[in-house]
Amino acid sequence: MTSQDIKKQLKEPHFWNIVLTGQHAEPRTKAMLEAKGIITWLPLAPVRRQWGRILKEIHTPVIPRCVFVYISNEERNTLQKSYRLLQPEIILQELPDLCNQNK
């Protein structure tokens, strides 16, 4: 996906959502969503694993069974038919004010 495609796609409001995947299916789900033109993010961490005498560094998802997607409400409705999405949480804008009151 080019930067022009992303700019064109972002003309309507988008939000970060979480798609739940099966075990060890995060990279495959990410690839399928990107093939549909959806902006995704899958945080990976390097982990050293040992098989016998061989020590290898592999990359595993930081949050298992989750892929982050940046989608509009329309895309969310479409994705809900094929994937399990977590309900988005509303973060209150008054939170900094509440923190300042406690001081």
C-alpha atoms as a PDB file:
ATOM      1  CA  MET A   1       0.000   0.000   0.000  1.00  0.00           C
ATOM      2  CA  THR A   2       1.475   3.356  -1.023  1.00  0.00           C
ATOM      3  CA  SER A   3       1.316   6.578   0.968  1.00  0.00           C
ATOM      4  CA  GLN A   4      -1.142   7.995  -1.595  1.00  0.00           C
ATOM      5  CA  ASP A   5      -3.508   5.080  -0.962  1.00  0.00           C
ATOM      6  CA  ILE A   6      -3.260   5.664   2.778  1.00  0.00           C
ATOM      7  CA  LYS A   7      -3.982   9.401   2.440  1.00  0.00           C
ATOM      8  CA  LYS A   8      -6.959   8.656   0.209  1.00  0.00           C
ATOM      9  CA  GLN A   9      -8.247   6.067   2.663  1.00  0.00           C
ATOM     10  CA  LEU A  10      -7.889   8.367   5.695  1.00  0.00           C
ATOM     11  CA  LYS A  11     -10.319  11.038   4.481  1.00  0.00           C
ATOM     12  CA  GLU A  12     -13.003   9.548   6.732  1.00  0.00           C
ATOM     13  CA  PRO A  13     -12.397   9.118  10.489  1.00  0.00           C
ATOM     14  CA  HIS A  14     -10.505   5.956  11.445  1.00  0.00           C
ATOM     15  CA  PHE A  15      -9.938   4.272  14.797  1.00  0.00           C
ATOM     16  CA  TRP A  16      -7.595   1.595  16.135  1.00  0.00           C
ATOM     17  CA  ASN A  17      -9.308  -1.736  16.800  1.00  0.00           C
ATOM     18  CA  ILE A  18      -8.088  -5.192  17.769  1.00  0.00           C
ATOM     19  CA  VAL A  19      -8.771  -8.287  15.666  1.00  0.00           C
ATOM     20  CA  LEU A  20      -8.642 -11.543  17.625  1.00  0.00           C
ATOM     21  CA  THR A  21      -6.939 -14.432  15.823  1.00  0.00           C
ATOM     22  CA  GLY A  22      -6.372 -18.105  16.406  1.00  0.00           C
ATOM     23  CA  GLN A  23      -3.215 -19.344  18.091  1.00  0.00           C
ATOM     24  CA  HIS A  24      -0.079 -18.620  16.045  1.00  0.00           C
ATOM     25  CA  ALA A  25      -2.216 -17.119  13.232  1.00  0.00           C
ATOM     26  CA  GLU A  26      -1.236 -13.482  13.764  1.00  0.00           C
ATOM     27  CA  PRO A  27       1.165 -13.127  10.767  1.00  0.00           C
ATOM     28  CA  ARG A  28      -1.251 -14.904   8.430  1.00  0.00           C
ATOM     29  CA  THR A  29      -4.189 -12.730   9.582  1.00  0.00           C
ATOM     30  CA  LYS A  30      -2.063  -9.585   9.207  1.00  0.00           C
ATOM     31  CA  ALA A  31      -1.139 -10.559   5.640  1.00  0.00           C
ATOM     32  CA  MET A  32      -4.770 -11.275   4.710  1.00  0.00           C
ATOM     33  CA  LEU A  33      -5.949  -7.936   6.128  1.00  0.00           C
ATOM     34  CA  GLU A  34      -3.176  -6.033   4.329  1.00  0.00           C
ATOM     35  CA  ALA A  35      -4.159  -7.774   1.083  1.00  0.00           C
ATOM     36  CA  LYS A  36      -7.610  -6.215   1.578  1.00  0.00           C
ATOM     37  CA  GLY A  37      -5.994  -2.768   1.891  1.00  0.00           C
ATOM     38  CA  ILE A  38      -6.355  -2.396   5.669  1.00  0.00           C
ATOM     39  CA  ILE A  39      -3.635  -0.715   7.733  1.00  0.00           C
ATOM     40  CA  THR A  40      -2.367  -3.200  10.340  1.00  0.00           C
ATOM     41  CA  TRP A  41       0.192  -3.317  13.124  1.00  0.00           C
ATOM     42  CA  LEU A  42       1.604  -6.450  14.729  1.00  0.00           C
ATOM     43  CA  PRO A  43       4.242  -5.734  17.399  1.00  0.00           C
ATOM     44  CA  LEU A  44       6.938  -8.423  17.403  1.00  0.00           C
ATOM     45  CA  ALA A  45       9.682  -9.105  19.948  1.00  0.00           C
ATOM     46  CA  PRO A  46      12.902 -11.040  19.339  1.00  0.00           C
ATOM     47  CA  VAL A  47      13.119 -14.240  21.409  1.00  0.00           C
ATOM     48  CA  ARG A  48      16.010 -16.703  21.548  1.00  0.00           C
ATOM     49  CA  ARG A  49      14.983 -20.350  21.282  1.00  0.00           C
ATOM     50  CA  GLN A  50      17.188 -23.396  21.493  1.00  0.00           C
ATOM     51  CA  TRP A  51      16.674 -26.636  19.581  1.00  0.00           C
ATOM     52  CA  GLY A  52      19.336 -29.077  20.697  1.00  0.00           C
ATOM     53  CA  ARG A  53      22.654 -27.315  20.127  1.00  0.00           C
ATOM     54  CA  ILE A  54      21.203 -24.739  17.762  1.00  0.00           C
ATOM     55  CA  LEU A  55      20.315 -21.322  19.203  1.00  0.00           C
ATOM     56  CA  LYS A  56      18.071 -19.176  16.979  1.00  0.00           C
ATOM     57  CA  GLU A  57      16.464 -15.784  17.352  1.00  0.00           C
ATOM     58  CA  ILE A  58      12.832 -15.728  16.251  1.00  0.00           C
ATOM     59  CA  HIS A  59      10.232 -12.966  16.372  1.00  0.00           C
ATOM     60  CA  THR A  60       7.035 -13.637  18.298  1.00  0.00           C
ATOM     61  CA  PRO A  61       3.993 -11.379  18.790  1.00  0.00           C
ATOM     62  CA  VAL A  62       4.163  -9.208  21.899  1.00  0.00           C
ATOM     63  CA  ILE A  63       0.408  -9.613  22.438  1.00  0.00           C
ATOM     64  CA  PRO A  64      -0.645 -13.145  21.474  1.00  0.00           C
ATOM     65  CA  ARG A  65      -3.752 -13.665  19.300  1.00  0.00           C
ATOM     66  CA  CYS A  66      -4.153  -9.908  18.547  1.00  0.00           C
ATOM     67  CA  VAL A  67      -3.599  -7.808  15.424  1.00  0.00           C
ATOM     68  CA  PHE A  68      -4.190  -4.056  15.548  1.00  0.00           C
ATOM     69  CA  VAL A  69      -6.127  -2.546  12.622  1.00  0.00           C
ATOM     70  CA  TYR A  70      -6.753   1.098  11.715  1.00  0.00           C
ATOM     71  CA  ILE A  71     -10.249   1.149  10.208  1.00  0.00           C
ATOM     72  CA  SER A  72     -13.311   3.323   9.712  1.00  0.00           C
ATOM     73  CA  ASN A  73     -16.718   2.458  11.152  1.00  0.00           C
ATOM     74  CA  GLU A  74     -17.829   1.189   7.734  1.00  0.00           C
ATOM     75  CA  GLU A  75     -14.816  -1.127   7.485  1.00  0.00           C
ATOM     76  CA  ARG A  76     -15.444  -2.243  11.071  1.00  0.00           C
ATOM     77  CA  ASN A  77     -18.954  -3.386  10.174  1.00  0.00           C
ATOM     78  CA  THR A  78     -17.571  -5.322   7.204  1.00  0.00           C
ATOM     79  CA  LEU A  79     -14.762  -6.937   9.219  1.00  0.00           C
ATOM     80  CA  GLN A  80     -17.115  -8.033  12.001  1.00  0.00           C
ATOM     81  CA  LYS A  81     -18.703 -10.462   9.560  1.00  0.00           C
ATOM     82  CA  SER A  82     -15.379 -12.318   9.053  1.00  0.00           C
ATOM     83  CA  TYR A  83     -13.285 -11.648  12.180  1.00  0.00           C
ATOM     84  CA  ARG A  84     -13.768 -11.265  15.919  1.00  0.00           C
ATOM     85  CA  LEU A  85     -13.165  -7.652  16.969  1.00  0.00           C
ATOM     86  CA  LEU A  86     -12.777  -6.389  20.521  1.00  0.00           C
ATOM     87  CA  GLN A  87     -15.128  -3.613  21.559  1.00  0.00           C
ATOM     88  CA  PRO A  88     -13.278  -0.266  21.527  1.00  0.00           C
ATOM     89  CA  GLU A  89     -12.876   1.501  24.853  1.00  0.00           C
ATOM     90  CA  ILE A  90     -13.703   5.176  25.279  1.00  0.00           C
ATOM     91  CA  ILE A  91     -10.929   7.153  26.945  1.00  0.00           C
ATOM     92  CA  LEU A  92     -12.225  10.169  28.791  1.00  0.00           C
ATOM     93  CA  GLN A  93     -10.643  13.494  27.949  1.00  0.00           C
ATOM     94  CA  GLU A  94     -11.257  14.632  31.544  1.00  0.00           C
ATOM     95  CA  LEU A  95      -8.664  12.151  32.824  1.00  0.00           C
ATOM     96  CA  PRO A  96      -5.785  14.704  32.990  1.00  0.00           C
ATOM     97  CA  ASP A  97      -8.090  17.078  34.904  1.00  0.00           C
ATOM     98  CA  LEU A  98      -8.870  14.345  37.435  1.00  0.00           C
ATOM     99  CA  CYS A  99      -5.163  13.651  37.919  1.00  0.00           C
ATOM    100  CA  ASN A 100      -4.461  17.343  38.570  1.00  0.00           C
ATOM    101  CA  GLN A 101      -7.267  17.547  41.160  1.00  0.00           C
ATOM    102  CA  ASN A 102      -5.679  14.795  43.251  1.00  0.00           C
ATOM    103  CA  LYS A 103      -2.458  16.799  43.761  1.00  0.00           C
END
